[in-house]
Amino acid sequence: MKNENILAIIPARGGSKRIPGKNIREFLGKPIIAYSIEAALKADIFDEVMVSTDSREIADIALECGAKVPFMRDKVLSDDFATTDDVIVDTIKRYENRQKNYKWVACIYPTAPFVTSEQLKDAYKKIVSTPGAVATMTMTAFSYPPQRSHIIGEDGFAVFKEPEYISARSQDLVKMYHDAGQFYIYDAQYFVRANGIITEKIIPVIVDEMRVQDIDNESDWKLAELKYSILNNIV
């Protein structure tokens, strides 16, 4: 059942230098942003699924996919210096000006084809039922223990960053995770007050590394398509 307390924001600006047209490029037969929109709509928990963009082309595709584009993003929030946090804060405030005050806000990236409606529903259930929680974040474990990483000094030699772990067994080291870069759910007002800087009371949504792929270049794109094809038995 849709909930009037939560808004889904899919931030998708038009400018992408490393992969031109990245947010609407065809990914295995349809614009990649369509996967995020469809997962959000299928979750059926959001009062509204909206796309924040400065691009009329992206807006038109978003509308065709069933999302809403109630306003175009300001150019100042679409350059290389604007952050996703800036966009979310601005979007929350613009909805407030329209007399829509949301308790929760979800940020779903437009290049996250692995996100599912079930993940979104489960994450929402967890955050609303966990006292004190202010955020959820998709995370995946580092494939190699970062405690045993190397750095390269000015002399060109590689050295252990944390030499105390040289002899440690991998299974004895604390398991560490990193942001999977897929979606987040935030307490909207807490997010605004913190200006997007949230460092505690975060519920982890653990994602298998097979379902995670940063897409920053052509090789990443091909890997993402390969992983998606394997997971979904696409020949």
C-alpha atoms as a PDB file:
ATOM      1  CA  MET A   1       0.000   0.000   0.000  1.00  0.00           C
ATOM      2  CA  LYS A   2       1.330   3.438  -0.906  1.00  0.00           C
ATOM      3  CA  ASN A   3       2.387   5.584   2.021  1.00  0.00           C
ATOM      4  CA  GLU A   4       1.965   9.338   2.095  1.00  0.00           C
ATOM      5  CA  ASN A   5       4.963   9.581   4.421  1.00  0.00           C
ATOM      6  CA  ILE A   6       7.630   8.668   1.879  1.00  0.00           C
ATOM      7  CA  LEU A   7       8.820  10.242  -1.366  1.00  0.00           C
ATOM      8  CA  ALA A   8      11.118   8.571  -3.911  1.00  0.00           C
ATOM      9  CA  ILE A   9      13.656  10.834  -5.616  1.00  0.00           C
ATOM     10  CA  ILE A  10      15.649   9.627  -8.618  1.00  0.00           C
ATOM     11  CA  PRO A  11      18.372  12.225  -9.329  1.00  0.00           C
ATOM     12  CA  ALA A  12      19.319  12.241 -13.015  1.00  0.00           C
ATOM     13  CA  ARG A  13      21.099  15.241 -14.437  1.00  0.00           C
ATOM     14  CA  GLY A  14      21.716  15.569 -18.140  1.00  0.00           C
ATOM     15  CA  GLY A  15      25.444  16.151 -18.201  1.00  0.00           C
ATOM     16  CA  SER A  16      27.644  13.040 -18.071  1.00  0.00           C
ATOM     17  CA  LYS A  17      31.166  13.334 -19.375  1.00  0.00           C
ATOM     18  CA  ARG A  18      32.563   9.819 -18.880  1.00  0.00           C
ATOM     19  CA  ILE A  19      29.517   8.056 -20.375  1.00  0.00           C
ATOM     20  CA  PRO A  20      27.492  10.473 -22.516  1.00  0.00           C
ATOM     21  CA  GLY A  21      23.762  10.169 -21.923  1.00  0.00           C
ATOM     22  CA  LYS A  22      24.477   7.708 -19.122  1.00  0.00           C
ATOM     23  CA  ASN A  23      21.184   8.050 -17.239  1.00  0.00           C
ATOM     24  CA  ILE A  24      19.023   7.191 -20.260  1.00  0.00           C
ATOM     25  CA  ARG A  25      21.398   5.042 -22.273  1.00  0.00           C
ATOM     26  CA  GLU A  26      19.931   1.713 -23.345  1.00  0.00           C
ATOM     27  CA  PHE A  27      20.757  -1.066 -20.900  1.00  0.00           C
ATOM     28  CA  LEU A  28      19.769  -4.467 -22.249  1.00  0.00           C
ATOM     29  CA  GLY A  29      16.849  -3.125 -24.215  1.00  0.00           C
ATOM     30  CA  LYS A  30      15.565  -0.101 -22.299  1.00  0.00           C
ATOM     31  CA  PRO A  31      16.835   3.152 -20.778  1.00  0.00           C
ATOM     32  CA  ILE A  32      18.784   2.342 -17.634  1.00  0.00           C
ATOM     33  CA  ILE A  33      16.735   4.817 -15.581  1.00  0.00           C
ATOM     34  CA  ALA A  34      13.652   2.716 -16.346  1.00  0.00           C
ATOM     35  CA  TYR A  35      14.893  -0.034 -14.014  1.00  0.00           C
ATOM     36  CA  SER A  36      14.997   2.295 -11.008  1.00  0.00           C
ATOM     37  CA  ILE A  37      11.613   3.817 -11.823  1.00  0.00           C
ATOM     38  CA  GLU A  38       9.988   0.421 -12.298  1.00  0.00           C
ATOM     39  CA  ALA A  39      11.417  -0.962  -9.034  1.00  0.00           C
ATOM     40  CA  ALA A  40      10.141   2.072  -7.129  1.00  0.00           C
ATOM     41  CA  LEU A  41       6.679   1.891  -8.672  1.00  0.00           C
ATOM     42  CA  LYS A  42       6.415  -1.861  -8.164  1.00  0.00           C
ATOM     43  CA  ALA A  43       7.369  -1.491  -4.486  1.00  0.00           C
ATOM     44  CA  ASP A  44       4.066   0.371  -4.093  1.00  0.00           C
ATOM     45  CA  ILE A  45       5.196   2.150  -0.929  1.00  0.00           C
ATOM     46  CA  PHE A  46       5.830   5.637  -2.255  1.00  0.00           C
ATOM     47  CA  ASP A  47       3.362   8.491  -2.322  1.00  0.00           C
ATOM     48  CA  GLU A  48       5.228   9.724  -5.377  1.00  0.00           C
ATOM     49  CA  VAL A  49       8.136   8.555  -7.528  1.00  0.00           C
ATOM     50  CA  MET A  50       9.785  11.618  -9.005  1.00  0.00           C
ATOM     51  CA  VAL A  51      12.823  12.301 -11.162  1.00  0.00           C
ATOM     52  CA  SER A  52      14.953  15.360 -10.486  1.00  0.00           C
ATOM     53  CA  THR A  53      16.575  16.466 -13.731  1.00  0.00           C
ATOM     54  CA  ASP A  54      17.648  19.476 -15.742  1.00  0.00           C
ATOM     55  CA  SER A  55      17.188  17.591 -19.032  1.00  0.00           C
ATOM     56  CA  ARG A  56      13.963  17.694 -21.015  1.00  0.00           C
ATOM     57  CA  GLU A  57      14.930  14.437 -22.749  1.00  0.00           C
ATOM     58  CA  ILE A  58      15.408  12.645 -19.412  1.00  0.00           C
ATOM     59  CA  ALA A  59      12.162  14.157 -18.140  1.00  0.00           C
ATOM     60  CA  ASP A  60      10.229  12.862 -21.144  1.00  0.00           C
ATOM     61  CA  ILE A  61      11.620   9.335 -20.746  1.00  0.00           C
ATOM     62  CA  ALA A  62      10.931   9.412 -16.997  1.00  0.00           C
ATOM     63  CA  LEU A  63       7.316  10.382 -17.657  1.00  0.00           C
ATOM     64  CA  GLU A  64       6.968   7.589 -20.225  1.00  0.00           C
ATOM     65  CA  CYS A  65       8.206   5.140 -17.576  1.00  0.00           C
ATOM     66  CA  GLY A  66       5.583   6.292 -15.089  1.00  0.00           C
ATOM     67  CA  ALA A  67       7.551   8.660 -12.878  1.00  0.00           C
ATOM     68  CA  LYS A  68       6.626  12.269 -12.200  1.00  0.00           C
ATOM     69  CA  VAL A  69       8.671  15.358 -13.004  1.00  0.00           C
ATOM     70  CA  PRO A  70       6.841  18.121 -11.139  1.00  0.00           C
ATOM     71  CA  PHE A  71       9.596  20.651 -11.787  1.00  0.00           C
ATOM     72  CA  MET A  72      12.922  20.955 -13.561  1.00  0.00           C
ATOM     73  CA  ARG A  73      16.109  21.089 -11.546  1.00  0.00           C
ATOM     74  CA  ASP A  74      17.895  24.434 -11.323  1.00  0.00           C
ATOM     75  CA  LYS A  75      21.058  24.683 -13.407  1.00  0.00           C
ATOM     76  CA  VAL A  76      23.122  25.512 -10.319  1.00  0.00           C
ATOM     77  CA  LEU A  77      22.294  22.027  -9.019  1.00  0.00           C
ATOM     78  CA  SER A  78      23.273  20.348 -12.264  1.00  0.00           C
ATOM     79  CA  ASP A  79      26.929  21.273 -12.667  1.00  0.00           C
ATOM     80  CA  ASP A  80      29.979  19.196 -11.716  1.00  0.00           C
ATOM     81  CA  PHE A  81      30.129  20.749  -8.239  1.00  0.00           C
ATOM     82  CA  ALA A  82      26.578  20.046  -7.078  1.00  0.00           C
ATOM     83  CA  THR A  83      26.152  16.942  -4.928  1.00  0.00           C
ATOM     84  CA  THR A  84      23.308  14.472  -4.680  1.00  0.00           C
ATOM     85  CA  ASP A  85      22.804  15.676  -1.097  1.00  0.00           C
ATOM     86  CA  ASP A  86      22.268  19.225  -2.408  1.00  0.00           C
ATOM     87  CA  VAL A  87      19.636  17.918  -4.824  1.00  0.00           C
ATOM     88  CA  ILE A  88      17.781  15.953  -2.143  1.00  0.00           C
ATOM     89  CA  VAL A  89      17.698  18.901   0.269  1.00  0.00           C
ATOM     90  CA  ASP A  90      16.455  21.187  -2.511  1.00  0.00           C
ATOM     91  CA  THR A  91      13.774  18.677  -3.541  1.00  0.00           C
ATOM     92  CA  ILE A  92      12.501  18.247   0.028  1.00  0.00           C
ATOM     93  CA  LYS A  93      12.226  22.024   0.427  1.00  0.00           C
ATOM     94  CA  ARG A  94      10.464  22.459  -2.902  1.00  0.00           C
ATOM     95  CA  TYR A  95       7.872  19.879  -1.908  1.00  0.00           C
ATOM     96  CA  GLU A  96       7.424  21.647   1.430  1.00  0.00           C
ATOM     97  CA  ASN A  97       6.702  24.835  -0.502  1.00  0.00           C
ATOM     98  CA  ARG A  98       3.960  22.844  -2.227  1.00  0.00           C
ATOM     99  CA  GLN A  99       2.532  21.883   1.176  1.00  0.00           C
ATOM    100  CA  LYS A 100       3.887  18.336   1.005  1.00  0.00           C
ATOM    101  CA  ASN A 101       5.891  17.408   4.080  1.00  0.00           C
ATOM    102  CA  TYR A 102       7.365  13.911   3.974  1.00  0.00           C
ATOM    103  CA  LYS A 103       8.607  11.985   7.004  1.00  0.00           C
ATOM    104  CA  TRP A 104      10.881   9.835   4.853  1.00  0.00           C
ATOM    105  CA  VAL A 105      12.628  10.324   1.539  1.00  0.00           C
ATOM    106  CA  ALA A 106      14.290   7.675  -0.629  1.00  0.00           C
ATOM    107  CA  CYS A 107      17.103   8.427  -3.041  1.00  0.00           C
ATOM    108  CA  ILE A 108      17.386   5.821  -5.783  1.00  0.00           C
ATOM    109  CA  TYR A 109      20.171   6.232  -8.295  1.00  0.00           C
ATOM    110  CA  PRO A 110      19.169   6.165 -11.986  1.00  0.00           C
ATOM    111  CA  THR A 111      21.979   3.759 -12.870  1.00  0.00           C
ATOM    112  CA  ALA A 112      21.065   1.029 -10.380  1.00  0.00           C
ATOM    113  CA  PRO A 113      19.418  -1.739 -12.440  1.00  0.00           C
ATOM    114  CA  PHE A 114      20.000  -4.314  -9.704  1.00  0.00           C
ATOM    115  CA  VAL A 115      17.659  -2.609  -7.217  1.00  0.00           C
ATOM    116  CA  THR A 116      14.458  -4.563  -6.623  1.00  0.00           C
ATOM    117  CA  SER A 117      11.062  -3.599  -5.290  1.00  0.00           C
ATOM    118  CA  GLU A 118      11.479  -6.148  -2.484  1.00  0.00           C
ATOM    119  CA  GLN A 119      14.693  -4.491  -1.323  1.00  0.00           C
ATOM    120  CA  LEU A 120      12.946  -1.136  -1.198  1.00  0.00           C
ATOM    121  CA  LYS A 121       9.978  -2.512   0.723  1.00  0.00           C
ATOM    122  CA  ASP A 122      12.171  -4.365   3.216  1.00  0.00           C
ATOM    123  CA  ALA A 123      14.406  -1.328   3.775  1.00  0.00           C
ATOM    124  CA  TYR A 124      11.380   0.865   4.420  1.00  0.00           C
ATOM    125  CA  LYS A 125       9.897  -1.632   6.880  1.00  0.00           C
ATOM    126  CA  LYS A 126      13.190  -1.787   8.778  1.00  0.00           C
ATOM    127  CA  ILE A 127      13.682   1.947   9.110  1.00  0.00           C
ATOM    128  CA  VAL A 128      10.155   2.703  10.269  1.00  0.00           C
ATOM    129  CA  SER A 129      10.266  -0.112  12.818  1.00  0.00           C
ATOM    130  CA  THR A 130      13.736   0.616  14.239  1.00  0.00           C
ATOM    131  CA  PRO A 131      13.714   3.215  17.049  1.00  0.00           C
ATOM    132  CA  GLY A 132      16.231   5.991  16.463  1.00  0.00           C
ATOM    133  CA  ALA A 133      17.139   4.970  12.908  1.00  0.00           C
ATOM    134  CA  VAL A 134      17.604   7.917  10.550  1.00  0.00           C
ATOM    135  CA  ALA A 135      18.925   6.246   7.391  1.00  0.00           C
ATOM    136  CA  THR A 136      19.307   3.036   5.442  1.00  0.00           C
ATOM    137  CA  MET A 137      22.083   2.397   2.938  1.00  0.00           C
ATOM    138  CA  THR A 138      22.876  -0.413   0.541  1.00  0.00           C
ATOM    139  CA  MET A 139      26.285  -1.861   1.393  1.00  0.00           C
ATOM    140  CA  THR A 140      28.485  -4.657   0.152  1.00  0.00           C
ATOM    141  CA  ALA A 141      31.509  -6.272   1.782  1.00  0.00           C
ATOM    142  CA  PHE A 142      35.001  -5.497   0.528  1.00  0.00           C
ATOM    143  CA  SER A 143      36.158  -8.480  -1.525  1.00  0.00           C
ATOM    144  CA  TYR A 144      39.627  -8.225   0.077  1.00  0.00           C
ATOM    145  CA  PRO A 145      40.353  -7.076   3.656  1.00  0.00           C
ATOM    146  CA  PRO A 146      41.194  -3.349   3.472  1.00  0.00           C
ATOM    147  CA  GLN A 147      43.286  -3.714   6.640  1.00  0.00           C
ATOM    148  CA  ARG A 148      45.888  -5.446   4.497  1.00  0.00           C
ATOM    149  CA  SER A 149      46.024  -2.785   1.808  1.00  0.00           C
ATOM    150  CA  HIS A 150      49.200  -1.137   0.509  1.00  0.00           C
ATOM    151  CA  ILE A 151      50.068   2.451  -0.202  1.00  0.00           C
ATOM    152  CA  ILE A 152      52.795   3.712  -2.489  1.00  0.00           C
ATOM    153  CA  GLY A 153      55.168   6.192  -0.908  1.00  0.00           C
ATOM    154  CA  GLU A 154      56.909   9.155  -2.524  1.00  0.00           C
ATOM    155  CA  ASP A 155      59.939   6.914  -3.068  1.00  0.00           C
ATOM    156  CA  GLY A 156      57.837   4.650  -5.285  1.00  0.00           C
ATOM    157  CA  PHE A 157      57.912   1.654  -2.955  1.00  0.00           C
ATOM    158  CA  ALA A 158      54.761  -0.113  -1.778  1.00  0.00           C
ATOM    159  CA  VAL A 159      54.298  -0.537   1.960  1.00  0.00           C
ATOM    160  CA  PHE A 160      51.537  -1.899   4.169  1.00  0.00           C
ATOM    161  CA  LYS A 161      49.194   0.862   5.239  1.00  0.00           C
ATOM    162  CA  GLU A 162      48.550  -0.953   8.529  1.00  0.00           C
ATOM    163  CA  PRO A 163      51.629  -3.137   9.139  1.00  0.00           C
ATOM    164  CA  GLU A 164      50.165  -4.555  12.375  1.00  0.00           C
ATOM    165  CA  TYR A 165      47.958  -6.758  10.189  1.00  0.00           C
ATOM    166  CA  ILE A 166      50.756  -8.245   8.071  1.00  0.00           C
ATOM    167  CA  SER A 167      50.459 -11.666   9.691  1.00  0.00           C
ATOM    168  CA  ALA A 168      46.744 -11.553  10.475  1.00  0.00           C
ATOM    169  CA  ARG A 169      44.524 -14.186   8.937  1.00  0.00           C
ATOM    170  CA  SER A 170      41.751 -12.802   6.762  1.00  0.00           C
ATOM    171  CA  GLN A 171      39.098 -14.602   8.804  1.00  0.00           C
ATOM    172  CA  ASP A 172      40.343 -12.895  11.977  1.00  0.00           C
ATOM    173  CA  LEU A 173      39.924  -9.370  10.617  1.00  0.00           C
ATOM    174  CA  VAL A 174      36.795  -7.292  11.160  1.00  0.00           C
ATOM    175  CA  LYS A 175      34.598  -7.495   8.074  1.00  0.00           C
ATOM    176  CA  MET A 176      34.252  -4.100   6.443  1.00  0.00           C
ATOM    177  CA  TYR A 177      31.643  -2.770   4.029  1.00  0.00           C
ATOM    178  CA  HIS A 178      31.362   0.063   1.539  1.00  0.00           C
ATOM    179  CA  ASP A 179      28.472   1.977   0.023  1.00  0.00           C
ATOM    180  CA  ALA A 180      26.938  -0.022  -2.823  1.00  0.00           C
ATOM    181  CA  GLY A 181      25.673   3.198  -4.454  1.00  0.00           C
ATOM    182  CA  GLN A 182      22.140   1.978  -5.171  1.00  0.00           C
ATOM    183  CA  PHE A 183      19.579   3.533  -2.839  1.00  0.00           C
ATOM    184  CA  TYR A 184      19.125   5.213   0.529  1.00  0.00           C
ATOM    185  CA  ILE A 185      16.160   6.042   2.737  1.00  0.00           C
ATOM    186  CA  TYR A 186      16.440   9.012   5.073  1.00  0.00           C
ATOM    187  CA  ASP A 187      14.495  10.746   7.797  1.00  0.00           C
ATOM    188  CA  ALA A 188      13.724  13.800   5.675  1.00  0.00           C
ATOM    189  CA  GLN A 189      13.987  16.505   8.344  1.00  0.00           C
ATOM    190  CA  TYR A 190      17.081  14.952   9.909  1.00  0.00           C
ATOM    191  CA  PHE A 191      18.664  14.916   6.459  1.00  0.00           C
ATOM    192  CA  VAL A 192      17.919  18.599   5.913  1.00  0.00           C
ATOM    193  CA  ARG A 193      19.251  19.598   9.346  1.00  0.00           C
ATOM    194  CA  ALA A 194      22.420  17.570   8.788  1.00  0.00           C
ATOM    195  CA  ASN A 195      22.738  18.891   5.220  1.00  0.00           C
ATOM    196  CA  GLY A 196      23.059  15.311   4.070  1.00  0.00           C
ATOM    197  CA  ILE A 197      25.966  14.400   6.352  1.00  0.00           C
ATOM    198  CA  ILE A 198      24.691  11.337   8.224  1.00  0.00           C
ATOM    199  CA  THR A 199      27.288   9.205  10.003  1.00  0.00           C
ATOM    200  CA  GLU A 200      25.303   7.228  12.575  1.00  0.00           C
ATOM    201  CA  LYS A 201      22.045   5.339  13.182  1.00  0.00           C
ATOM    202  CA  ILE A 202      22.258   3.874   9.677  1.00  0.00           C
ATOM    203  CA  ILE A 203      20.573   0.542   8.958  1.00  0.00           C
ATOM    204  CA  PRO A 204      22.687  -1.544   6.550  1.00  0.00           C
ATOM    205  CA  VAL A 205      21.057  -3.195   3.558  1.00  0.00           C
ATOM    206  CA  ILE A 206      23.621  -5.832   2.644  1.00  0.00           C
ATOM    207  CA  VAL A 207      23.900  -6.610  -1.067  1.00  0.00           C
ATOM    208  CA  ASP A 208      25.878  -9.460  -2.613  1.00  0.00           C
ATOM    209  CA  GLU A 209      28.765  -8.186  -4.738  1.00  0.00           C
ATOM    210  CA  MET A 210      27.293  -9.968  -7.767  1.00  0.00           C
ATOM    211  CA  ARG A 211      24.440  -7.454  -7.584  1.00  0.00           C
ATOM    212  CA  VAL A 212      26.733  -4.428  -7.270  1.00  0.00           C
ATOM    213  CA  GLN A 213      28.542  -2.576 -10.033  1.00  0.00           C
ATOM    214  CA  ASP A 214      29.760   1.002 -10.170  1.00  0.00           C
ATOM    215  CA  ILE A 215      29.157   2.322 -13.661  1.00  0.00           C
ATOM    216  CA  ASP A 216      31.747   4.990 -14.398  1.00  0.00           C
ATOM    217  CA  ASN A 217      33.147   3.879 -17.755  1.00  0.00           C
ATOM    218  CA  GLU A 218      32.483   1.571 -20.695  1.00  0.00           C
ATOM    219  CA  SER A 219      34.050  -1.457 -19.013  1.00  0.00           C
ATOM    220  CA  ASP A 220      31.836  -0.952 -15.970  1.00  0.00           C
ATOM    221  CA  TRP A 221      28.791  -0.752 -18.218  1.00  0.00           C
ATOM    222  CA  LYS A 222      29.630  -4.043 -19.938  1.00  0.00           C
ATOM    223  CA  LEU A 223      30.244  -5.746 -16.592  1.00  0.00           C
ATOM    224  CA  ALA A 224      26.907  -4.507 -15.282  1.00  0.00           C
ATOM    225  CA  GLU A 225      25.091  -5.876 -18.339  1.00  0.00           C
ATOM    226  CA  LEU A 226      26.918  -9.193 -17.991  1.00  0.00           C
ATOM    227  CA  LYS A 227      26.048  -9.522 -14.297  1.00  0.00           C
ATOM    228  CA  TYR A 228      22.423  -8.577 -14.917  1.00  0.00           C
ATOM    229  CA  SER A 229      22.178 -11.075 -17.772  1.00  0.00           C
ATOM    230  CA  ILE A 230      23.573 -13.886 -15.619  1.00  0.00           C
ATOM    231  CA  LEU A 231      21.307 -13.084 -12.667  1.00  0.00           C
ATOM    232  CA  ASN A 232      18.222 -12.906 -14.864  1.00  0.00           C
ATOM    233  CA  ASN A 233      19.070 -15.749 -17.241  1.00  0.00           C
ATOM    234  CA  ILE A 234      19.172 -13.476 -20.281  1.00  0.00           C
ATOM    235  CA  VAL A 235      20.821 -15.169 -23.225  1.00  0.00           C
END
